[in-house]
Amino acid sequence: MTSIDELLANNRAYAESSGTGHRDVHPSRRLAIVTCMDSRIDVFAALGLEGGEAHILRNAGGVITDDVIRSLAISQRKLGTREVMLIHHTDCGMQKVTDDGFRAELQEATGM
């Protein structure tokens, strides 16, 4: 069984145990959080949040990019969030990567 197969099985069990109740798409805390995609960060546990309380936007380094701005605009204008929290963390791998260096690495690897 692959990791994805296992996760799909977990999702089926979760969906079956969750019932048919509908959760509001508007975060109850009216909060959006931007943070790094680092798998060590459990945003919900770290902040004591429950599902449905905040939008969580993640990318490499927790950087405010055009797509994050788009998501924040939708979160605020269409889904009622009023606060934005930006979380960075120690030992972030993105501190060791530059856009130019990474671009050169990709070009070298692909022979471009």
N, C-alpha and C. Protein backbone atom coordinates (compact mmCIF):
# COMPACT_ATOMS: atom_id res chain seq x y z
N MET A 1 0.85 -1.18 0.00
CA MET A 1 0.00 0.00 0.00
C MET A 1 0.90 1.24 0.00
N THR A 2 0.61 2.18 -0.88
CA THR A 2 1.38 3.42 -0.94
C THR A 2 0.88 4.40 0.13
N SER A 3 1.65 5.45 0.34
CA SER A 3 1.21 6.48 1.29
C SER A 3 -0.12 7.09 0.86
N ILE A 4 -0.28 7.31 -0.44
CA ILE A 4 -1.53 7.90 -0.93
C ILE A 4 -2.69 6.95 -0.71
N ASP A 5 -2.50 5.65 -0.95
CA ASP A 5 -3.57 4.68 -0.69
C ASP A 5 -3.98 4.72 0.78
N GLU A 6 -2.99 4.79 1.66
CA GLU A 6 -3.27 4.84 3.09
C GLU A 6 -4.04 6.11 3.46
N LEU A 7 -3.62 7.23 2.89
CA LEU A 7 -4.31 8.49 3.17
C LEU A 7 -5.74 8.49 2.64
N LEU A 8 -5.95 7.90 1.48
CA LEU A 8 -7.31 7.81 0.95
C LEU A 8 -8.19 6.94 1.84
N ALA A 9 -7.63 5.86 2.35
CA ALA A 9 -8.39 5.01 3.28
C ALA A 9 -8.71 5.79 4.56
N ASN A 10 -7.75 6.55 5.05
CA ASN A 10 -7.99 7.39 6.23
C ASN A 10 -9.10 8.40 5.96
N ASN A 11 -9.09 8.97 4.75
CA ASN A 11 -10.11 9.95 4.40
C ASN A 11 -11.49 9.33 4.33
N ARG A 12 -11.57 8.11 3.77
CA ARG A 12 -12.88 7.42 3.73
C ARG A 12 -13.41 7.20 5.15
N ALA A 13 -12.54 6.76 6.06
CA ALA A 13 -12.96 6.53 7.44
C ALA A 13 -13.38 7.85 8.10
N TYR A 14 -12.64 8.91 7.83
CA TYR A 14 -12.98 10.22 8.38
C TYR A 14 -14.33 10.70 7.86
N ALA A 15 -14.54 10.57 6.56
CA ALA A 15 -15.80 11.02 5.96
C ALA A 15 -16.98 10.24 6.52
N GLU A 16 -16.80 8.93 6.71
CA GLU A 16 -17.88 8.11 7.26
C GLU A 16 -18.19 8.47 8.71
N SER A 17 -17.18 8.83 9.48
CA SER A 17 -17.41 9.16 10.90
C SER A 17 -17.87 10.59 11.11
N SER A 18 -17.72 11.44 10.06
CA SER A 18 -18.07 12.85 10.20
C SER A 18 -19.55 13.11 10.01
N GLY A 19 -20.28 12.14 9.51
CA GLY A 19 -21.70 12.35 9.27
C GLY A 19 -21.94 13.26 8.09
N THR A 20 -23.15 13.74 7.98
CA THR A 20 -23.52 14.57 6.83
C THR A 20 -23.64 16.03 7.21
N GLY A 21 -23.22 16.39 8.42
CA GLY A 21 -23.32 17.78 8.85
C GLY A 21 -22.50 18.71 7.98
N HIS A 22 -22.99 19.91 7.82
CA HIS A 22 -22.33 20.90 6.98
C HIS A 22 -21.59 21.90 7.87
N ARG A 23 -20.33 22.14 7.54
CA ARG A 23 -19.57 23.19 8.23
C ARG A 23 -19.63 24.46 7.40
N ASP A 24 -19.75 25.56 8.08
CA ASP A 24 -19.76 26.86 7.41
C ASP A 24 -18.40 27.10 6.76
N VAL A 25 -18.38 27.65 5.55
CA VAL A 25 -17.11 27.94 4.86
C VAL A 25 -16.44 29.18 5.42
N HIS A 26 -17.16 29.97 6.20
CA HIS A 26 -16.60 31.17 6.81
C HIS A 26 -15.86 30.77 8.10
N PRO A 27 -14.56 31.05 8.21
CA PRO A 27 -13.84 30.68 9.43
C PRO A 27 -14.42 31.37 10.66
N SER A 28 -14.72 30.60 11.68
CA SER A 28 -15.42 31.15 12.84
C SER A 28 -14.62 32.21 13.59
N ARG A 29 -13.30 32.15 13.53
CA ARG A 29 -12.48 33.18 14.19
C ARG A 29 -12.20 34.37 13.27
N ARG A 30 -12.72 34.29 12.05
CA ARG A 30 -12.51 35.38 11.08
C ARG A 30 -11.02 35.67 10.91
N LEU A 31 -10.25 34.59 10.80
CA LEU A 31 -8.79 34.65 10.80
C LEU A 31 -8.20 33.89 9.61
N ALA A 32 -7.18 34.47 9.00
CA ALA A 32 -6.39 33.78 7.98
C ALA A 32 -4.95 33.76 8.47
N ILE A 33 -4.28 32.63 8.30
CA ILE A 33 -2.90 32.47 8.74
C ILE A 33 -2.04 32.10 7.54
N VAL A 34 -0.93 32.81 7.37
CA VAL A 34 0.04 32.50 6.33
C VAL A 34 1.28 31.95 7.02
N THR A 35 1.72 30.78 6.60
CA THR A 35 2.89 30.18 7.21
C THR A 35 3.62 29.29 6.21
N CYS A 36 4.74 28.76 6.66
CA CYS A 36 5.58 27.91 5.83
C CYS A 36 4.94 26.53 5.64
N MET A 37 5.31 25.87 4.55
CA MET A 37 4.79 24.53 4.27
C MET A 37 5.54 23.45 5.04
N ASP A 38 6.51 23.83 5.87
CA ASP A 38 7.32 22.88 6.64
C ASP A 38 6.41 21.88 7.34
N SER A 39 6.66 20.60 7.11
CA SER A 39 5.78 19.54 7.64
C SER A 39 5.86 19.40 9.15
N ARG A 40 6.84 20.04 9.77
CA ARG A 40 6.94 19.97 11.23
C ARG A 40 5.97 20.91 11.93
N ILE A 41 5.39 21.84 11.19
CA ILE A 41 4.49 22.83 11.79
C ILE A 41 3.06 22.32 11.75
N ASP A 42 2.52 22.01 12.91
CA ASP A 42 1.11 21.67 13.03
C ASP A 42 0.40 22.92 13.53
N VAL A 43 -0.08 23.73 12.58
CA VAL A 43 -0.65 25.04 12.90
C VAL A 43 -1.80 24.92 13.89
N PHE A 44 -2.67 23.94 13.68
CA PHE A 44 -3.83 23.80 14.56
C PHE A 44 -3.40 23.49 15.99
N ALA A 45 -2.49 22.55 16.16
CA ALA A 45 -2.03 22.19 17.50
C ALA A 45 -1.24 23.33 18.14
N ALA A 46 -0.38 23.98 17.36
CA ALA A 46 0.47 25.03 17.90
C ALA A 46 -0.32 26.23 18.42
N LEU A 47 -1.47 26.49 17.80
CA LEU A 47 -2.27 27.66 18.18
C LEU A 47 -3.55 27.29 18.91
N GLY A 48 -3.79 26.01 19.12
CA GLY A 48 -5.01 25.59 19.80
C GLY A 48 -6.26 25.81 18.98
N LEU A 49 -6.14 25.67 17.66
CA LEU A 49 -7.28 25.86 16.76
C LEU A 49 -7.99 24.55 16.48
N GLU A 50 -9.25 24.65 16.15
CA GLU A 50 -10.05 23.52 15.70
C GLU A 50 -10.37 23.73 14.22
N GLY A 51 -10.77 22.65 13.55
CA GLY A 51 -11.18 22.75 12.16
C GLY A 51 -12.31 23.76 12.01
N GLY A 52 -12.24 24.56 10.96
CA GLY A 52 -13.29 25.54 10.69
C GLY A 52 -13.06 26.90 11.34
N GLU A 53 -11.97 27.05 12.09
CA GLU A 53 -11.75 28.32 12.78
C GLU A 53 -10.92 29.33 11.99
N ALA A 54 -10.06 28.86 11.06
CA ALA A 54 -9.18 29.78 10.34
C ALA A 54 -8.81 29.20 8.99
N HIS A 55 -8.53 30.10 8.06
CA HIS A 55 -7.93 29.68 6.79
C HIS A 55 -6.43 29.57 7.01
N ILE A 56 -5.82 28.50 6.50
CA ILE A 56 -4.39 28.30 6.62
C ILE A 56 -3.80 28.31 5.21
N LEU A 57 -2.93 29.26 4.93
CA LEU A 57 -2.28 29.39 3.63
C LEU A 57 -0.81 29.08 3.81
N ARG A 58 -0.31 28.11 3.05
CA ARG A 58 1.07 27.66 3.24
C ARG A 58 1.83 27.65 1.92
N ASN A 59 3.08 28.05 2.00
CA ASN A 59 4.00 27.91 0.87
C ASN A 59 5.42 27.86 1.42
N ALA A 60 6.37 27.65 0.55
CA ALA A 60 7.77 27.55 0.97
C ALA A 60 8.22 28.89 1.56
N GLY A 61 8.48 28.90 2.85
CA GLY A 61 8.94 30.10 3.53
C GLY A 61 7.86 31.01 4.07
N GLY A 62 6.59 30.69 3.85
CA GLY A 62 5.51 31.56 4.31
C GLY A 62 5.61 32.94 3.68
N VAL A 63 5.84 32.98 2.38
CA VAL A 63 6.09 34.21 1.64
C VAL A 63 4.77 34.76 1.10
N ILE A 64 4.63 36.08 1.16
CA ILE A 64 3.44 36.73 0.59
C ILE A 64 3.68 36.90 -0.91
N THR A 65 3.12 36.00 -1.69
CA THR A 65 3.25 36.00 -3.14
C THR A 65 1.92 36.42 -3.76
N ASP A 66 1.90 36.54 -5.08
CA ASP A 66 0.65 36.93 -5.76
C ASP A 66 -0.49 35.96 -5.44
N ASP A 67 -0.19 34.65 -5.41
CA ASP A 67 -1.26 33.69 -5.14
C ASP A 67 -1.73 33.77 -3.69
N VAL A 68 -0.84 34.11 -2.76
CA VAL A 68 -1.25 34.29 -1.37
C VAL A 68 -2.12 35.54 -1.24
N ILE A 69 -1.74 36.61 -1.92
CA ILE A 69 -2.56 37.84 -1.90
C ILE A 69 -3.95 37.54 -2.48
N ARG A 70 -4.01 36.77 -3.56
CA ARG A 70 -5.31 36.39 -4.13
C ARG A 70 -6.14 35.63 -3.11
N SER A 71 -5.52 34.65 -2.45
CA SER A 71 -6.25 33.85 -1.46
C SER A 71 -6.69 34.70 -0.28
N LEU A 72 -5.84 35.61 0.17
CA LEU A 72 -6.21 36.50 1.28
C LEU A 72 -7.36 37.43 0.88
N ALA A 73 -7.32 37.92 -0.35
CA ALA A 73 -8.40 38.80 -0.82
C ALA A 73 -9.73 38.06 -0.84
N ILE A 74 -9.73 36.82 -1.33
CA ILE A 74 -10.95 36.02 -1.33
C ILE A 74 -11.38 35.71 0.10
N SER A 75 -10.42 35.36 0.94
CA SER A 75 -10.72 35.06 2.34
C SER A 75 -11.40 36.24 3.02
N GLN A 76 -10.89 37.44 2.75
CA GLN A 76 -11.46 38.62 3.41
C GLN A 76 -12.72 39.12 2.72
N ARG A 77 -12.71 39.22 1.42
CA ARG A 77 -13.85 39.81 0.71
C ARG A 77 -15.05 38.88 0.58
N LYS A 78 -14.79 37.59 0.44
CA LYS A 78 -15.88 36.64 0.19
C LYS A 78 -16.20 35.75 1.39
N LEU A 79 -15.23 35.55 2.29
CA LEU A 79 -15.44 34.57 3.37
C LEU A 79 -15.30 35.16 4.76
N GLY A 80 -15.20 36.48 4.85
CA GLY A 80 -15.38 37.17 6.12
C GLY A 80 -14.21 37.24 7.07
N THR A 81 -13.01 36.89 6.67
CA THR A 81 -11.91 37.02 7.62
C THR A 81 -11.56 38.50 7.80
N ARG A 82 -11.10 38.82 9.00
CA ARG A 82 -10.78 40.21 9.33
C ARG A 82 -9.37 40.38 9.89
N GLU A 83 -8.73 39.29 10.24
CA GLU A 83 -7.36 39.34 10.76
C GLU A 83 -6.48 38.40 9.95
N VAL A 84 -5.21 38.80 9.80
CA VAL A 84 -4.22 37.97 9.12
C VAL A 84 -3.03 37.81 10.06
N MET A 85 -2.62 36.57 10.25
CA MET A 85 -1.47 36.26 11.09
C MET A 85 -0.39 35.66 10.19
N LEU A 86 0.84 36.16 10.30
CA LEU A 86 1.97 35.65 9.53
C LEU A 86 2.90 34.93 10.50
N ILE A 87 3.17 33.65 10.23
CA ILE A 87 4.02 32.85 11.12
C ILE A 87 5.26 32.39 10.35
N HIS A 88 6.43 32.76 10.88
CA HIS A 88 7.69 32.21 10.41
C HIS A 88 8.24 31.33 11.52
N HIS A 89 9.27 30.56 11.23
CA HIS A 89 9.76 29.62 12.25
C HIS A 89 11.27 29.47 12.17
N THR A 90 11.84 28.92 13.22
CA THR A 90 13.28 28.68 13.26
C THR A 90 13.65 27.51 12.36
N ASP A 91 14.87 27.50 11.93
CA ASP A 91 15.43 26.43 11.10
C ASP A 91 14.64 26.23 9.82
N CYS A 92 14.18 27.31 9.22
CA CYS A 92 13.43 27.22 7.97
C CYS A 92 14.40 26.95 6.82
N GLY A 93 14.13 25.90 6.07
CA GLY A 93 14.98 25.54 4.95
C GLY A 93 15.07 26.62 3.90
N MET A 94 14.07 27.48 3.81
CA MET A 94 14.07 28.53 2.79
C MET A 94 15.12 29.60 3.09
N GLN A 95 15.64 29.65 4.31
CA GLN A 95 16.71 30.59 4.62
C GLN A 95 18.00 30.20 3.90
N LYS A 96 18.07 28.96 3.44
CA LYS A 96 19.27 28.45 2.79
C LYS A 96 19.13 28.42 1.26
N VAL A 97 18.01 28.90 0.73
CA VAL A 97 17.73 28.84 -0.70
C VAL A 97 17.48 30.25 -1.22
N THR A 98 18.09 30.57 -2.36
CA THR A 98 17.76 31.81 -3.05
C THR A 98 17.03 31.47 -4.33
N ASP A 99 16.19 32.35 -4.79
CA ASP A 99 15.45 32.10 -6.04
C ASP A 99 16.42 31.90 -7.20
N ASP A 100 17.43 32.77 -7.30
CA ASP A 100 18.38 32.66 -8.41
C ASP A 100 19.17 31.36 -8.34
N GLY A 101 19.63 30.98 -7.15
CA GLY A 101 20.38 29.74 -7.00
C GLY A 101 19.54 28.52 -7.33
N PHE A 102 18.29 28.53 -6.88
CA PHE A 102 17.40 27.40 -7.15
C PHE A 102 17.07 27.32 -8.64
N ARG A 103 16.84 28.47 -9.25
CA ARG A 103 16.55 28.51 -10.69
C ARG A 103 17.74 27.93 -11.47
N ALA A 104 18.96 28.32 -11.10
CA ALA A 104 20.16 27.80 -11.78
C ALA A 104 20.28 26.30 -11.58
N GLU A 105 19.98 25.83 -10.39
CA GLU A 105 20.02 24.38 -10.11
C GLU A 105 19.03 23.63 -10.98
N LEU A 106 17.82 24.14 -11.12
CA LEU A 106 16.81 23.50 -11.96
C LEU A 106 17.23 23.50 -13.43
N GLN A 107 17.78 24.62 -13.88
CA GLN A 107 18.22 24.70 -15.27
C GLN A 107 19.34 23.71 -15.55
N GLU A 108 20.26 23.57 -14.61
CA GLU A 108 21.36 22.62 -14.76
C GLU A 108 20.85 21.19 -14.79
N ALA A 109 19.90 20.88 -13.93
CA ALA A 109 19.36 19.52 -13.84
C ALA A 109 18.57 19.13 -15.08
N THR A 110 17.94 20.12 -15.73
CA THR A 110 17.12 19.82 -16.90
C THR A 110 17.85 20.08 -18.21
N GLY A 111 19.10 20.56 -18.11
CA GLY A 111 19.88 20.81 -19.32
C GLY A 111 19.43 22.00 -20.11
N MET A 112 18.77 22.94 -19.48
CA MET A 112 18.27 24.12 -20.20
C MET A 112 19.31 25.21 -20.21
